[in-house]
N, C-alpha and C. Protein backbone atom coordinates (compact mmCIF):
# COMPACT_ATOMS: atom_id res chain seq x y z
N MET A 1 -16.01 20.40 12.02
CA MET A 1 -16.45 19.04 11.43
C MET A 1 -16.31 18.11 12.49
N THR A 2 -17.23 17.66 12.48
CA THR A 2 -17.48 16.36 14.06
C THR A 2 -17.69 14.89 13.20
N ARG A 3 -17.64 14.10 13.80
CA ARG A 3 -17.49 12.93 13.12
C ARG A 3 -19.20 12.27 12.97
N ALA A 4 -20.05 13.15 13.12
CA ALA A 4 -21.26 12.76 13.02
C ALA A 4 -21.71 13.70 11.25
N ASP A 5 -20.95 13.87 10.83
CA ASP A 5 -21.05 14.95 9.59
C ASP A 5 -20.42 13.28 8.70
N GLU A 6 -20.99 12.35 8.21
CA GLU A 6 -20.36 11.33 8.02
C GLU A 6 -20.81 11.58 5.93
N GLY A 7 -21.44 12.44 5.93
CA GLY A 7 -21.38 12.93 4.12
C GLY A 7 -20.58 13.63 3.96
N ALA A 8 -19.97 14.41 4.60
CA ALA A 8 -18.58 15.17 4.46
C ALA A 8 -17.53 14.04 4.32
N ILE A 9 -17.34 13.00 5.35
CA ILE A 9 -16.55 11.82 5.33
C ILE A 9 -16.57 10.98 4.27
N ALA A 10 -17.62 10.85 3.91
CA ALA A 10 -17.72 10.16 3.04
C ALA A 10 -17.51 10.72 1.20
N VAL A 11 -17.30 11.92 1.14
CA VAL A 11 -16.89 12.54 0.26
C VAL A 11 -15.20 12.77 0.03
N TYR A 12 -15.19 12.86 1.57
CA TYR A 12 -13.40 12.89 1.27
C TYR A 12 -13.16 11.47 1.18
N ARG A 13 -13.44 10.52 1.53
CA ARG A 13 -13.44 8.98 1.55
C ARG A 13 -12.85 9.03 0.05
N GLU A 14 -13.82 9.40 -0.68
CA GLU A 14 -13.91 9.32 -2.13
C GLU A 14 -12.99 9.96 -3.12
N ARG A 15 -12.65 11.12 -2.11
CA ARG A 15 -11.88 11.69 -2.84
C ARG A 15 -10.39 11.19 -2.70
N PHE A 16 -9.98 11.21 -1.21
CA PHE A 16 -8.68 9.97 -1.24
C PHE A 16 -8.82 8.72 -1.92
N ALA A 17 -9.84 8.31 -2.07
CA ALA A 17 -9.70 7.22 -3.29
C ALA A 17 -9.19 7.63 -4.74
N GLN A 18 -9.40 8.61 -5.53
CA GLN A 18 -9.23 9.11 -6.22
C GLN A 18 -7.64 9.40 -6.60
N ILE A 19 -7.31 9.83 -5.36
CA ILE A 19 -5.81 10.41 -5.40
C ILE A 19 -5.41 8.45 -5.48
N MET A 20 -5.31 7.71 -5.18
CA MET A 20 -4.91 6.31 -5.11
C MET A 20 -4.93 6.04 -6.54
N VAL A 21 -6.11 5.82 -6.59
CA VAL A 21 -6.52 5.61 -8.52
C VAL A 21 -5.41 6.42 -9.54
N GLU A 22 -5.03 7.69 -9.19
CA GLU A 22 -4.30 8.23 -9.79
C GLU A 22 -2.84 7.91 -10.18
N TYR A 23 -2.25 7.00 -8.80
CA TYR A 23 -1.34 6.65 -8.67
C TYR A 23 -1.06 5.15 -8.83
N GLY A 24 -1.99 4.39 -9.62
CA GLY A 24 -2.59 3.16 -10.30
C GLY A 24 -3.25 1.88 -9.49
N MET A 25 -3.56 2.55 -8.34
CA MET A 25 -4.20 1.60 -7.74
C MET A 25 -5.68 1.00 -8.23
N PRO A 26 -5.93 0.03 -8.09
CA PRO A 26 -7.43 -0.22 -8.98
C PRO A 26 -8.53 0.31 -8.24
N ARG A 27 -9.30 0.99 -8.95
CA ARG A 27 -10.41 2.07 -8.25
C ARG A 27 -11.42 1.03 -6.99
N MET A 28 -11.91 0.13 -7.28
CA MET A 28 -12.39 -0.22 -5.92
C MET A 28 -11.43 -1.22 -4.54
N ALA A 29 -10.24 -1.15 -4.77
CA ALA A 29 -9.42 -1.61 -3.71
C ALA A 29 -9.02 0.30 -3.41
N SER A 30 -9.27 1.07 -4.02
CA SER A 30 -8.66 2.07 -3.16
C SER A 30 -9.64 2.72 -2.81
N ARG A 31 -11.26 2.55 -2.99
CA ARG A 31 -11.99 2.72 -2.53
C ARG A 31 -12.19 2.07 -0.87
N VAL A 32 -11.88 0.78 -0.91
CA VAL A 32 -11.98 -0.13 0.25
C VAL A 32 -11.01 0.38 1.53
N TYR A 33 -9.97 0.43 0.46
CA TYR A 33 -8.27 1.00 1.38
C TYR A 33 -8.98 2.49 1.83
N ALA A 34 -9.39 3.31 1.54
CA ALA A 34 -9.85 4.71 1.82
C ALA A 34 -10.90 4.52 3.03
N ALA A 35 -11.92 3.69 2.59
CA ALA A 35 -13.11 3.55 3.75
C ALA A 35 -12.05 2.69 4.63
N LEU A 36 -11.39 1.95 5.00
CA LEU A 36 -10.39 1.73 6.05
C LEU A 36 -9.78 2.51 6.67
N LEU A 37 -9.40 3.19 6.24
CA LEU A 37 -8.31 4.63 6.62
C LEU A 37 -9.09 5.03 7.31
N VAL A 38 -10.49 5.68 6.95
CA VAL A 38 -11.09 6.67 7.59
C VAL A 38 -11.66 6.32 8.60
N THR A 39 -11.86 5.00 8.76
CA THR A 39 -12.82 4.28 10.09
C THR A 39 -11.75 4.41 11.34
N ASP A 40 -12.28 4.82 12.54
CA ASP A 40 -11.63 4.79 13.95
C ASP A 40 -10.65 3.75 13.90
N SER A 41 -11.36 2.50 13.91
CA SER A 41 -10.96 1.23 14.47
C SER A 41 -9.75 0.48 13.15
N GLY A 42 -9.89 1.06 12.09
CA GLY A 42 -9.28 0.49 10.57
C GLY A 42 -9.61 -0.78 10.23
N LYS A 43 -10.87 -0.98 10.52
CA LYS A 43 -10.82 -2.46 10.25
C LYS A 43 -12.38 -2.55 10.13
N LEU A 44 -13.01 -2.97 9.01
CA LEU A 44 -14.07 -3.35 8.75
C LEU A 44 -14.74 -5.11 8.52
N SER A 45 -16.06 -5.46 8.62
CA SER A 45 -16.28 -6.92 7.86
C SER A 45 -16.63 -6.26 6.50
N ALA A 46 -16.59 -7.46 5.32
CA ALA A 46 -17.13 -7.41 4.10
C ALA A 46 -18.07 -6.89 4.10
N ALA A 47 -19.35 -7.34 4.77
CA ALA A 47 -20.39 -6.38 4.18
C ALA A 47 -20.67 -5.33 4.92
N GLU A 48 -19.85 -4.47 5.86
CA GLU A 48 -19.76 -3.22 6.22
C GLU A 48 -18.99 -2.45 4.97
N LEU A 49 -18.15 -3.10 4.59
CA LEU A 49 -17.37 -2.10 3.86
C LEU A 49 -18.53 -2.10 2.15
N ALA A 50 -19.36 -3.53 2.21
CA ALA A 50 -20.10 -3.40 0.87
C ALA A 50 -21.60 -2.33 1.25
N GLU A 51 -21.25 -2.09 2.69
CA GLU A 51 -22.85 -1.04 2.52
C GLU A 51 -22.21 0.50 2.86
N ARG A 52 -21.10 0.55 3.34
CA ARG A 52 -20.64 1.84 3.47
C ARG A 52 -20.27 2.29 1.77
N LEU A 53 -19.86 1.43 0.92
CA LEU A 53 -19.08 2.14 -0.31
C LEU A 53 -20.67 1.45 -1.42
N GLU A 54 -21.58 1.19 -1.03
CA GLU A 54 -22.55 0.72 -1.75
C GLU A 54 -22.41 -0.13 -2.85
N VAL A 55 -21.80 -1.21 -2.86
CA VAL A 55 -21.18 -2.23 -3.68
C VAL A 55 -21.17 -3.72 -3.21
N GLY A 56 -21.63 -4.49 -4.07
CA GLY A 56 -21.52 -6.05 -3.86
C GLY A 56 -20.34 -6.48 -3.40
N ALA A 57 -20.85 -7.78 -2.75
CA ALA A 57 -20.03 -8.72 -1.62
C ALA A 57 -18.73 -8.93 -3.05
N SER A 58 -18.98 -9.37 -4.15
CA SER A 58 -17.92 -9.80 -5.27
C SER A 58 -16.77 -8.69 -5.22
N ALA A 59 -17.29 -7.35 -5.51
CA ALA A 59 -16.58 -5.96 -5.46
C ALA A 59 -15.61 -6.12 -4.73
N ILE A 60 -16.06 -6.14 -3.30
CA ILE A 60 -15.34 -6.11 -1.79
C ILE A 60 -14.38 -7.30 -2.22
N SER A 61 -14.61 -8.57 -1.94
CA SER A 61 -13.73 -10.05 -2.78
C SER A 61 -12.52 -9.65 -2.96
N GLY A 62 -12.74 -8.84 -4.80
CA GLY A 62 -11.43 -8.54 -5.46
C GLY A 62 -10.78 -7.56 -5.06
N ALA A 63 -11.13 -6.80 -4.21
CA ALA A 63 -10.53 -5.38 -3.77
C ALA A 63 -9.56 -5.93 -2.58
N VAL A 64 -9.99 -6.61 -1.58
CA VAL A 64 -9.37 -7.12 -0.62
C VAL A 64 -8.41 -7.93 -1.18
N LYS A 65 -8.61 -8.73 -1.95
CA LYS A 65 -7.42 -9.64 -2.14
C LYS A 65 -6.50 -8.82 -2.92
N TYR A 66 -6.53 -7.97 -3.54
CA TYR A 66 -5.49 -7.29 -3.92
C TYR A 66 -4.73 -6.56 -2.99
N LEU A 67 -5.51 -5.94 -2.01
CA LEU A 67 -4.84 -4.80 -1.16
C LEU A 67 -4.44 -6.00 -0.24
N VAL A 68 -4.46 -6.98 0.13
CA VAL A 68 -4.06 -8.09 1.30
C VAL A 68 -3.06 -8.47 0.02
N GLN A 69 -2.55 -8.93 -1.28
CA GLN A 69 -1.34 -8.75 -1.88
C GLN A 69 -0.72 -8.07 -1.90
N VAL A 70 -0.73 -6.72 -2.05
CA VAL A 70 0.14 -5.49 -1.99
C VAL A 70 0.59 -5.25 -0.52
N ARG A 71 0.02 -6.12 0.84
CA ARG A 71 0.15 -5.89 1.68
C ARG A 71 0.35 -4.73 2.74
N LEU A 72 -1.31 -3.96 2.10
CA LEU A 72 -1.66 -3.00 2.52
C LEU A 72 -2.60 -2.81 3.60
N VAL A 73 -3.56 -4.27 3.75
CA VAL A 73 -4.62 -4.41 4.56
C VAL A 73 -4.30 -6.26 4.86
N GLU A 74 -4.76 -6.43 6.33
CA GLU A 74 -4.72 -7.79 6.51
C GLU A 74 -6.24 -8.31 7.18
N ARG A 75 -6.41 -9.67 7.17
CA ARG A 75 -7.38 -10.20 7.34
C ARG A 75 -7.40 -10.58 8.58
N GLY A 76 -8.23 -10.43 9.79
CA GLY A 76 -8.40 -10.52 10.94
C GLY A 76 -9.91 -11.17 11.20
N ARG A 77 -9.77 -11.41 12.56
CA ARG A 77 -11.25 -12.25 13.02
C ARG A 77 -11.05 -11.68 14.61
N GLU A 78 -12.30 -10.98 15.01
CA GLU A 78 -11.96 -10.71 16.51
C GLU A 78 -12.64 -12.31 17.72
N ALA A 79 -11.96 -11.94 18.72
CA ALA A 79 -12.01 -13.12 19.46
C ALA A 79 -13.60 -13.75 19.54
N GLY A 80 -13.80 -14.62 19.67
CA GLY A 80 -15.29 -15.44 19.88
C GLY A 80 -16.02 -14.73 18.52
N SER A 81 -15.79 -14.58 17.35
CA SER A 81 -16.87 -13.94 16.11
C SER A 81 -15.86 -15.23 15.25
N ARG A 82 -17.23 -15.10 14.32
CA ARG A 82 -17.38 -16.03 13.21
C ARG A 82 -16.63 -15.27 11.97
N HIS A 83 -17.05 -13.82 11.90
CA HIS A 83 -16.88 -12.99 11.06
C HIS A 83 -15.05 -12.62 11.09
N ASP A 84 -14.88 -12.30 9.51
CA ASP A 84 -13.71 -12.10 9.20
C ASP A 84 -14.22 -10.73 9.15
N PHE A 85 -12.79 -9.77 9.64
CA PHE A 85 -12.78 -8.33 9.23
C PHE A 85 -11.44 -8.04 8.43
N TRP A 86 -11.05 -6.75 7.76
CA TRP A 86 -10.10 -7.01 6.88
C TRP A 86 -9.56 -5.32 7.58
N GLY A 87 -8.59 -5.20 8.12
CA GLY A 87 -7.40 -4.23 8.76
C GLY A 87 -6.74 -3.76 7.92
N ILE A 88 -6.68 -2.13 8.34
CA ILE A 88 -5.03 -1.73 7.87
C ILE A 88 -4.17 -1.91 9.16
N HIS A 89 -2.80 -2.30 8.15
CA HIS A 89 -1.56 -2.60 9.11
C HIS A 89 -1.66 -1.23 10.05
N GLU A 90 -0.78 -1.30 11.45
CA GLU A 90 -0.89 -0.41 12.23
C GLU A 90 -0.02 0.93 11.72
N HIS A 91 1.05 0.43 11.19
CA HIS A 91 1.99 1.29 10.45
C HIS A 91 1.88 1.11 8.71
N THR A 92 0.91 1.04 8.13
CA THR A 92 0.68 0.85 6.95
C THR A 92 1.78 1.01 5.77
N TRP A 93 1.97 2.08 5.91
CA TRP A 93 2.79 3.22 4.71
C TRP A 93 4.33 2.66 5.12
N SER A 94 4.88 2.42 6.05
CA SER A 94 5.92 2.37 6.37
C SER A 94 5.92 0.73 6.30
N HIS A 95 5.72 0.23 6.73
CA HIS A 95 5.07 -1.33 6.11
C HIS A 95 5.55 -1.80 5.10
N PHE A 96 3.87 -0.96 3.97
CA PHE A 96 4.59 -1.32 2.67
C PHE A 96 5.65 -1.16 1.97
N VAL A 97 6.30 -0.03 2.19
CA VAL A 97 7.65 0.63 2.13
C VAL A 97 8.76 -0.30 2.32
N SER A 98 8.96 -0.79 3.30
CA SER A 98 9.78 -1.79 3.86
C SER A 98 9.66 -2.89 3.41
N GLN A 99 8.49 -3.45 2.98
CA GLN A 99 8.24 -5.00 2.13
C GLN A 99 8.31 -4.78 0.74
N SER A 100 8.74 -3.39 0.21
CA SER A 100 8.68 -3.19 -1.07
C SER A 100 10.21 -3.62 -1.95
N ASP A 101 11.23 -4.09 -0.94
CA ASP A 101 12.86 -4.42 -1.37
C ASP A 101 12.40 -5.66 -2.43
N PRO A 102 11.79 -6.73 -2.16
CA PRO A 102 11.99 -7.61 -3.03
C PRO A 102 11.42 -7.19 -4.82
N MET A 103 10.58 -6.53 -4.75
CA MET A 103 10.23 -6.00 -5.72
C MET A 103 11.35 -5.02 -6.58
N LEU A 104 11.79 -4.06 -5.84
CA LEU A 104 12.62 -3.66 -6.25
C LEU A 104 14.16 -4.18 -6.59
N ALA A 105 14.07 -5.18 -6.11
CA ALA A 105 15.37 -6.51 -6.47
C ALA A 105 14.81 -6.86 -7.67
N ARG A 106 13.67 -7.39 -7.82
CA ARG A 106 13.46 -8.25 -9.27
C ARG A 106 13.90 -7.13 -10.29
N VAL A 107 13.09 -5.89 -10.50
CA VAL A 107 13.63 -5.49 -11.27
C VAL A 107 14.77 -4.66 -11.73
N GLN A 108 15.68 -4.75 -10.84
CA GLN A 108 17.01 -4.45 -10.60
C GLN A 108 17.96 -5.73 -11.57
N VAL A 109 17.74 -7.10 -10.55
CA VAL A 109 18.53 -8.06 -11.17
C VAL A 109 17.90 -8.59 -12.86
N GLY A 110 16.39 -8.02 -13.56
CA GLY A 110 15.78 -8.18 -14.75
C GLY A 110 16.86 -6.94 -15.36
N ALA A 111 17.01 -5.92 -15.18
CA ALA A 111 17.95 -5.19 -15.99
C ALA A 111 19.27 -5.28 -15.79
N ASP A 112 19.69 -6.23 -15.02
CA ASP A 112 21.16 -6.56 -14.87
C ASP A 112 21.45 -8.10 -15.72
N GLU A 113 20.39 -8.50 -15.97
CA GLU A 113 20.55 -9.95 -16.85
C GLU A 113 20.25 -9.48 -18.45
N GLY A 114 19.75 -8.24 -18.76
CA GLY A 114 19.68 -7.84 -19.92
C GLY A 114 20.76 -6.77 -20.66
N ILE A 115 21.52 -6.52 -19.50
CA ILE A 115 22.78 -5.67 -19.88
C ILE A 115 24.15 -6.25 -21.04
N PRO A 116 24.75 -7.65 -20.19
CA PRO A 116 25.70 -8.49 -21.41
C PRO A 116 24.97 -8.82 -22.64
N LEU A 117 23.84 -9.26 -22.91
CA LEU A 117 22.52 -9.24 -23.65
C LEU A 117 22.67 -8.19 -24.97
N LEU A 118 22.42 -6.91 -24.70
CA LEU A 118 22.55 -5.70 -25.41
C LEU A 118 23.67 -5.15 -25.19
N GLY A 119 24.58 -5.47 -24.23
CA GLY A 119 26.07 -4.48 -24.32
C GLY A 119 25.78 -2.41 -23.84
N LEU A 120 26.33 -2.60 -23.10
CA LEU A 120 26.66 -1.37 -22.49
C LEU A 120 27.22 -0.34 -24.10
N ASP A 121 27.60 -0.67 -25.24
CA ASP A 121 27.60 0.22 -26.50
C ASP A 121 26.57 0.76 -26.98
N SER A 122 25.28 0.14 -26.65
CA SER A 122 23.97 0.36 -27.33
C SER A 122 22.92 1.03 -26.35
N PRO A 123 22.42 1.78 -26.52
CA PRO A 123 21.35 2.47 -26.31
C PRO A 123 20.37 1.85 -25.10
N ALA A 124 19.98 0.21 -26.03
CA ALA A 124 19.14 -0.22 -24.94
C ALA A 124 20.12 -0.53 -23.58
N GLY A 125 21.05 -1.20 -23.95
CA GLY A 125 21.94 -1.57 -22.79
C GLY A 125 22.13 -0.56 -21.72
N ARG A 126 22.41 0.75 -22.78
CA ARG A 126 22.47 1.78 -21.42
C ARG A 126 21.61 2.11 -20.39
N ARG A 127 20.16 1.76 -21.59
CA ARG A 127 19.02 2.49 -20.49
C ARG A 127 18.94 1.10 -19.26
N LEU A 128 18.88 0.09 -19.66
CA LEU A 128 19.27 -0.84 -18.90
C LEU A 128 20.23 -0.98 -17.52
N ASP A 129 21.23 -0.54 -17.64
CA ASP A 129 22.27 0.17 -16.76
C ASP A 129 21.71 1.07 -16.24
N GLU A 130 21.42 1.88 -16.43
CA GLU A 130 20.73 3.01 -15.99
C GLU A 130 19.71 2.60 -14.93
N THR A 131 18.59 1.68 -15.01
CA THR A 131 17.64 1.25 -14.63
C THR A 131 18.05 0.26 -13.46
N SER A 132 19.39 -0.66 -13.81
CA SER A 132 19.84 -1.40 -12.39
C SER A 132 20.24 -0.43 -11.50
N ARG A 133 21.29 0.75 -11.93
CA ARG A 133 21.89 1.50 -10.79
C ARG A 133 20.63 2.49 -10.25
N PHE A 134 19.98 3.19 -10.54
CA PHE A 134 18.58 3.69 -10.03
C PHE A 134 18.29 2.57 -9.11
N PHE A 135 17.86 1.49 -9.49
CA PHE A 135 16.78 0.90 -8.45
C PHE A 135 17.62 0.09 -7.35
N ALA A 136 19.33 -0.09 -7.55
CA ALA A 136 20.15 0.04 -6.71
C ALA A 136 20.02 1.00 -5.56
N PHE A 137 20.02 2.23 -6.01
CA PHE A 137 20.34 3.52 -5.49
C PHE A 137 19.24 3.67 -4.41
N ILE A 138 17.78 3.18 -5.27
CA ILE A 138 16.33 3.34 -4.28
C ILE A 138 16.55 2.31 -3.25
N ARG A 139 16.97 1.18 -3.72
CA ARG A 139 16.70 -0.21 -2.55
C ARG A 139 17.52 0.53 -1.27
N GLU A 140 18.74 1.20 -1.38
CA GLU A 140 19.41 1.69 -0.45
C GLU A 140 18.90 2.50 0.52
N GLU A 141 18.46 3.65 -0.41
CA GLU A 141 17.91 4.78 0.12
C GLU A 141 16.58 4.69 0.78
N THR A 142 15.91 3.62 0.70
CA THR A 142 15.02 2.83 1.05
C THR A 142 15.34 2.65 2.80
N LYS A 143 16.42 1.43 2.67
CA LYS A 143 16.50 1.21 3.64
C LYS A 143 17.20 2.01 4.72
N LEU A 144 17.97 2.91 4.37
CA LEU A 144 18.29 4.46 5.15
C LEU A 144 17.47 4.93 5.56
N SER A 145 16.08 4.96 4.99
CA SER A 145 14.82 6.26 5.04
C SER A 145 13.95 5.24 6.23
N MET A 146 14.35 4.10 5.74
CA MET A 146 13.30 3.40 7.29
C MET A 146 13.68 3.30 8.30
N ALA A 147 14.97 2.88 8.21
CA ALA A 147 15.93 2.89 9.60
C ALA A 147 15.52 4.30 10.49
N LYS A 148 15.79 5.76 9.61
CA LYS A 148 15.26 6.76 10.06
C LYS A 148 14.22 6.97 10.49
N TRP A 149 12.82 6.28 9.86
CA TRP A 149 11.59 6.86 10.25
C TRP A 149 11.62 5.84 11.53
N ARG A 150 12.08 4.68 11.59
CA ARG A 150 11.85 4.02 12.78
C ARG A 150 12.14 4.54 14.12
N ARG A 151 13.49 5.32 13.97
CA ARG A 151 14.38 5.99 15.24
C ARG A 151 13.43 7.21 15.58
N LEU A 152 12.84 7.84 14.38
CA LEU A 152 12.36 9.25 14.55
C LEU A 152 10.59 8.70 15.32
N GLN A 153 10.38 7.54 14.89
CA GLN A 153 8.73 6.94 15.58
C GLN A 153 9.32 6.72 17.22
N ALA A 154 10.57 5.90 16.92
CA ALA A 154 10.80 5.45 18.66
C ALA A 154 11.20 6.75 19.26
N ALA A 155 11.74 7.62 19.11
CA ALA A 155 11.69 9.63 19.50
C ALA A 155 10.59 9.98 19.70
N GLU A 156 9.24 9.91 19.05
CA GLU A 156 8.28 10.18 19.71
C GLU A 156 7.41 9.52 20.48
N ARG A 157 7.35 8.45 20.59
CA ARG A 157 6.81 7.35 21.67
C ARG A 157 7.37 7.69 22.42
N GLU A 158 8.97 7.78 22.91
CA GLU A 158 9.61 8.21 24.27
C GLU A 158 8.80 9.39 24.99
N ALA A 159 8.84 10.40 23.39
CA ALA A 159 8.49 11.57 24.55
C ALA A 159 6.75 11.65 25.03
N GLY A 160 6.13 10.76 24.19
CA GLY A 160 4.99 10.50 24.93
C GLY A 160 3.53 11.06 24.06
C-alpha cells in the first residue's frame, strides 16, 4: 500500500478509532486521536481535522479539549503562524502512562479512606483493601516498567 491510498488509510483510521472507543475514549476524541496518529507529522490544525473527519469545528473543539486533558495531545503553533495545531506527544503512550500515577494514587487513597469506616471484617472493607493493594501494586509496577522502557528506548537510540 502506498501513501496515495488515502481511502484505505481513512478506513484504517476509523477502525483504530473504534478500538479506542471500545476502551472507553469518547468517539470524537478517538477519531481525532486516530487522525493525528496516522498523519506523518503527527499534527493537524482544527480546520484540517474537521475536513478529514467531515465534522464541524465544535466537534473538534470538544475532542481536542478532552485529548489535552488526558495528555494524549498538545496544542502548538508553528513559528510565524497565527494558526494553532494539535499534535501527538512525541512518545504519546509512555507519556500517558507515566502521567497516570496521580490518578492511580487517588483511587488508592480513596480506597484507604473507606477501609477504617467499613472495617476489614466486612466484605465491603475487604474489597476496598484489595482495591488499595491492587493500585499500590500497579503504581509500583508502572514505575518499574516505565524505567525499563526508557532504558530500552535509550539502547535503541544508541544502536542507531
